[in-house]
Protein backbone atom coordinates (compact mmCIF):
# COMPACT_ATOMS: atom_id res chain seq x y z
CA MET A 1 -28.83 48.33 69.89
CA GLU A 2 -25.54 47.53 71.71
CA THR A 3 -22.58 49.43 70.84
CA ARG A 4 -19.12 47.97 71.32
CA GLN A 5 -15.94 49.79 72.05
CA GLN A 6 -12.89 48.90 69.90
CA THR A 7 -9.89 47.75 71.93
CA PRO A 8 -6.83 49.95 71.38
CA ASN A 9 -3.79 48.50 69.67
CA ARG A 10 -0.22 48.95 70.13
CA TYR A 11 1.53 51.02 67.58
CA VAL A 12 4.06 48.71 65.66
CA GLU A 13 6.66 51.35 66.12
CA ASN A 14 7.11 50.90 69.95
CA ALA A 15 10.27 49.54 71.16
CA PRO A 16 10.06 46.02 72.39
CA GLY A 17 9.54 46.11 76.13
CA LYS A 18 6.99 46.88 78.89
CA PHE A 19 6.07 50.53 78.14
CA TYR A 20 3.91 51.00 74.89
CA VAL A 21 1.55 53.57 73.27
CA VAL A 22 -1.70 52.60 71.86
CA ASP A 23 -3.55 53.90 68.76
CA THR A 24 -5.85 56.36 70.80
CA CYS A 25 -3.02 58.89 71.07
CA ASN A 26 -3.99 62.24 69.82
CA GLY A 27 -0.35 63.59 69.45
CA CYS A 28 -0.53 66.11 72.36
CA GLY A 29 3.13 65.77 73.05
CA LEU A 30 2.96 65.70 76.89
CA CYS A 31 4.89 62.39 76.87
CA LEU A 32 7.60 63.83 74.98
CA SER A 33 7.93 66.98 77.22
CA LEU A 34 8.23 64.41 80.22
CA ALA A 35 10.37 61.69 78.98
CA ILE A 36 12.20 63.13 75.88
CA ASN A 37 14.77 60.17 75.93
CA ASN A 38 12.15 57.52 75.44
CA PHE A 39 9.17 58.98 73.19
CA THR A 40 9.26 60.29 69.70
CA TYR A 41 6.67 60.90 67.02
CA ASN A 42 5.76 59.43 63.72
CA ASP A 43 6.57 61.07 60.32
CA ASP A 44 3.56 63.30 60.31
CA ALA A 45 3.77 64.17 64.06
CA SER A 46 0.14 62.84 64.56
CA TYR A 47 1.09 60.35 67.36
CA TYR A 48 3.91 59.60 69.79
CA TYR A 49 5.46 56.05 70.67
CA ILE A 50 8.25 54.53 72.88
CA TYR A 51 11.33 54.45 70.64
CA LYS A 52 13.66 53.47 73.43
CA GLN A 53 12.70 51.53 76.60
CA PRO A 54 13.86 53.11 79.95
CA GLN A 55 17.51 52.38 80.68
CA THR A 56 18.00 54.12 84.05
CA PRO A 57 15.79 54.42 87.20
CA GLU A 58 15.17 58.24 86.03
CA GLU A 59 13.86 57.37 82.60
CA GLU A 60 11.67 54.62 84.23
CA GLU A 61 10.21 57.42 86.53
CA GLN A 62 9.86 59.73 83.65
CA CYS A 63 7.95 57.15 81.44
CA LYS A 64 5.74 56.28 84.57
CA GLU A 65 4.95 60.00 85.10
CA ALA A 66 4.16 60.41 81.38
CA MET A 67 1.74 57.38 81.49
CA GLU A 68 0.00 58.83 84.74
CA LEU A 69 -0.45 62.19 83.37
CA CYS A 70 -1.49 61.20 79.69
CA PRO A 71 -4.81 62.80 79.06
CA ILE A 72 -5.83 60.09 76.74
CA ASP A 73 -4.58 57.21 78.77
CA CYS A 74 -3.00 55.75 75.77
CA ILE A 75 0.64 54.92 77.56
CA HIS A 76 0.67 51.46 79.10
CA ASP A 77 2.98 49.37 81.19
CA ASP A 78 2.34 45.53 80.63
CA GLY A 79 5.19 44.68 83.15
CA GLY A 80 7.24 43.27 80.19
CA LYS A 81 4.85 40.04 79.87
CA TYR A 82 4.71 40.21 76.13
CA GLU A 83 7.43 38.65 73.96
CA SER A 84 8.09 39.07 70.40
CA ILE A 85 5.77 37.17 67.94
CA ASN A 86 5.45 36.81 64.31
CA ASP A 87 8.96 37.94 63.06
CA GLY A 88 9.43 40.74 65.45
CA LEU A 89 5.91 42.23 65.54
CA TYR A 90 4.61 42.98 69.22
CA TYR A 91 1.13 43.17 70.46
């Protein structure tokens, strides 16, 4: 029997832009400790997401470092290739 892996989905809370967090986040908080100006957590602190895209080269580097060090590999950079669809929902 063949098993399929589910493709992770972006959290809808992510701010529009190139960096985003997917639903495999386990809420460890490493990203927040590295890029406090860009990450925050949901209401029950079970996962983190990008609430503000980087605005400075320093913030960009911090987000890249968080992405590289994330133990779950749930932070991604799509290079800004996706635009808003369906009344502001992002995928």
